[in-house]
Amino acid sequence: MAIDMCTVFKSAIVQALPHVQLVVDHFHVVQLANATVTEVRRRVTVQVRGRRAKAIASGSCATG
């Protein structure tokens, strides 16, 4: 049975169908992988360039 990665779903299905083989659908695996890559990319960008790197690099930072 293919399920969402939510632990609530897993618990309910395992309780109701103890011998079922659970499989996570590929959409949710890819979604989690993309979110993780984005989080790491943002963290590294902040560490390397600083918090306001995008605004400063694009010239959209207002100077006064």
C-alpha atoms as a PDB file:
ATOM      1  CA  MET A   1       0.000   0.000   0.000  1.00  0.00           C
ATOM      2  CA  ALA A   2       1.449   3.401  -1.011  1.00  0.00           C
ATOM      3  CA  ILE A   3       0.984   6.091   1.616  1.00  0.00           C
ATOM      4  CA  ASP A   4       1.868   9.644   2.509  1.00  0.00           C
ATOM      5  CA  MET A   5       4.921   9.944   4.779  1.00  0.00           C
ATOM      6  CA  CYS A   6       2.842  11.189   7.724  1.00  0.00           C
ATOM      7  CA  THR A   7       3.366   8.988  10.789  1.00  0.00           C
ATOM      8  CA  VAL A   8      -0.326   9.226  11.662  1.00  0.00           C
ATOM      9  CA  PHE A   9      -1.248   7.452   8.416  1.00  0.00           C
ATOM     10  CA  LYS A  10       1.410   4.806   8.990  1.00  0.00           C
ATOM     11  CA  SER A  11       0.251   4.091  12.538  1.00  0.00           C
ATOM     12  CA  ALA A  12      -3.396   3.806  11.521  1.00  0.00           C
ATOM     13  CA  ILE A  13      -2.694   1.491   8.603  1.00  0.00           C
ATOM     14  CA  VAL A  14      -0.309  -0.745  10.551  1.00  0.00           C
ATOM     15  CA  GLN A  15      -2.873  -1.017  13.332  1.00  0.00           C
ATOM     16  CA  ALA A  16      -5.717  -1.870  10.934  1.00  0.00           C
ATOM     17  CA  LEU A  17      -3.663  -4.023   8.544  1.00  0.00           C
ATOM     18  CA  PRO A  18      -0.677  -5.422  10.474  1.00  0.00           C
ATOM     19  CA  HIS A  19       0.639  -7.591   7.622  1.00  0.00           C
ATOM     20  CA  VAL A  20       0.509  -4.987   4.881  1.00  0.00           C
ATOM     21  CA  GLN A  21       3.729  -3.868   3.191  1.00  0.00           C
ATOM     22  CA  LEU A  22       3.928  -0.078   3.229  1.00  0.00           C
ATOM     23  CA  VAL A  23       5.523   1.906   0.433  1.00  0.00           C
ATOM     24  CA  VAL A  24       5.926   5.675   0.319  1.00  0.00           C
ATOM     25  CA  ASP A  25       4.799   7.167  -2.976  1.00  0.00           C
ATOM     26  CA  HIS A  26       7.551   8.787  -5.036  1.00  0.00           C
ATOM     27  CA  PHE A  27       5.888  12.227  -5.063  1.00  0.00           C
ATOM     28  CA  HIS A  28       6.371  12.626  -1.311  1.00  0.00           C
ATOM     29  CA  VAL A  29       9.928  11.293  -1.398  1.00  0.00           C
ATOM     30  CA  VAL A  30      10.880  13.780  -4.123  1.00  0.00           C
ATOM     31  CA  GLN A  31       9.046  16.589  -2.297  1.00  0.00           C
ATOM     32  CA  LEU A  32      10.995  15.885   0.901  1.00  0.00           C
ATOM     33  CA  ALA A  33      14.290  15.669  -0.989  1.00  0.00           C
ATOM     34  CA  ASN A  34      13.650  18.990  -2.749  1.00  0.00           C
ATOM     35  CA  ALA A  35      12.691  20.712   0.508  1.00  0.00           C
ATOM     36  CA  THR A  36      15.841  19.392   2.182  1.00  0.00           C
ATOM     37  CA  VAL A  37      18.103  20.506  -0.675  1.00  0.00           C
ATOM     38  CA  THR A  38      16.480  23.960  -0.634  1.00  0.00           C
ATOM     39  CA  GLU A  39      16.950  24.267   3.131  1.00  0.00           C
ATOM     40  CA  VAL A  40      20.627  23.303   2.919  1.00  0.00           C
ATOM     41  CA  ARG A  41      21.211  25.594  -0.090  1.00  0.00           C
ATOM     42  CA  ARG A  42      19.701  28.550   1.759  1.00  0.00           C
ATOM     43  CA  ARG A  43      21.689  27.848   4.912  1.00  0.00           C
ATOM     44  CA  VAL A  44      24.970  27.589   2.981  1.00  0.00           C
ATOM     45  CA  THR A  45      24.188  30.761   1.025  1.00  0.00           C
ATOM     46  CA  VAL A  46      23.602  32.687   4.259  1.00  0.00           C
ATOM     47  CA  GLN A  47      26.836  31.324   5.740  1.00  0.00           C
ATOM     48  CA  VAL A  48      28.894  32.171   2.658  1.00  0.00           C
ATOM     49  CA  ARG A  49      27.364  35.433   1.473  1.00  0.00           C
ATOM     50  CA  GLY A  50      25.556  36.740   4.494  1.00  0.00           C
ATOM     51  CA  ARG A  51      21.891  37.253   5.195  1.00  0.00           C
ATOM     52  CA  ARG A  52      21.192  40.007   2.645  1.00  0.00           C
ATOM     53  CA  ALA A  53      23.329  38.705  -0.228  1.00  0.00           C
ATOM     54  CA  LYS A  54      20.474  38.555  -2.758  1.00  0.00           C
ATOM     55  CA  ALA A  55      19.252  42.110  -2.126  1.00  0.00           C
ATOM     56  CA  ILE A  56      22.773  43.528  -2.240  1.00  0.00           C
ATOM     57  CA  ALA A  57      23.809  41.517  -5.319  1.00  0.00           C
ATOM     58  CA  SER A  58      20.706  42.530  -7.290  1.00  0.00           C
ATOM     59  CA  GLY A  59      21.067  46.200  -6.405  1.00  0.00           C
ATOM     60  CA  SER A  60      17.600  46.368  -4.884  1.00  0.00           C
ATOM     61  CA  CYS A  61      18.906  47.373  -1.474  1.00  0.00           C
ATOM     62  CA  ALA A  62      17.905  50.976  -0.770  1.00  0.00           C
ATOM     63  CA  THR A  63      20.741  53.171   0.414  1.00  0.00           C
ATOM     64  CA  GLY A  64      20.120  56.360   2.172  1.00  0.00           C
END
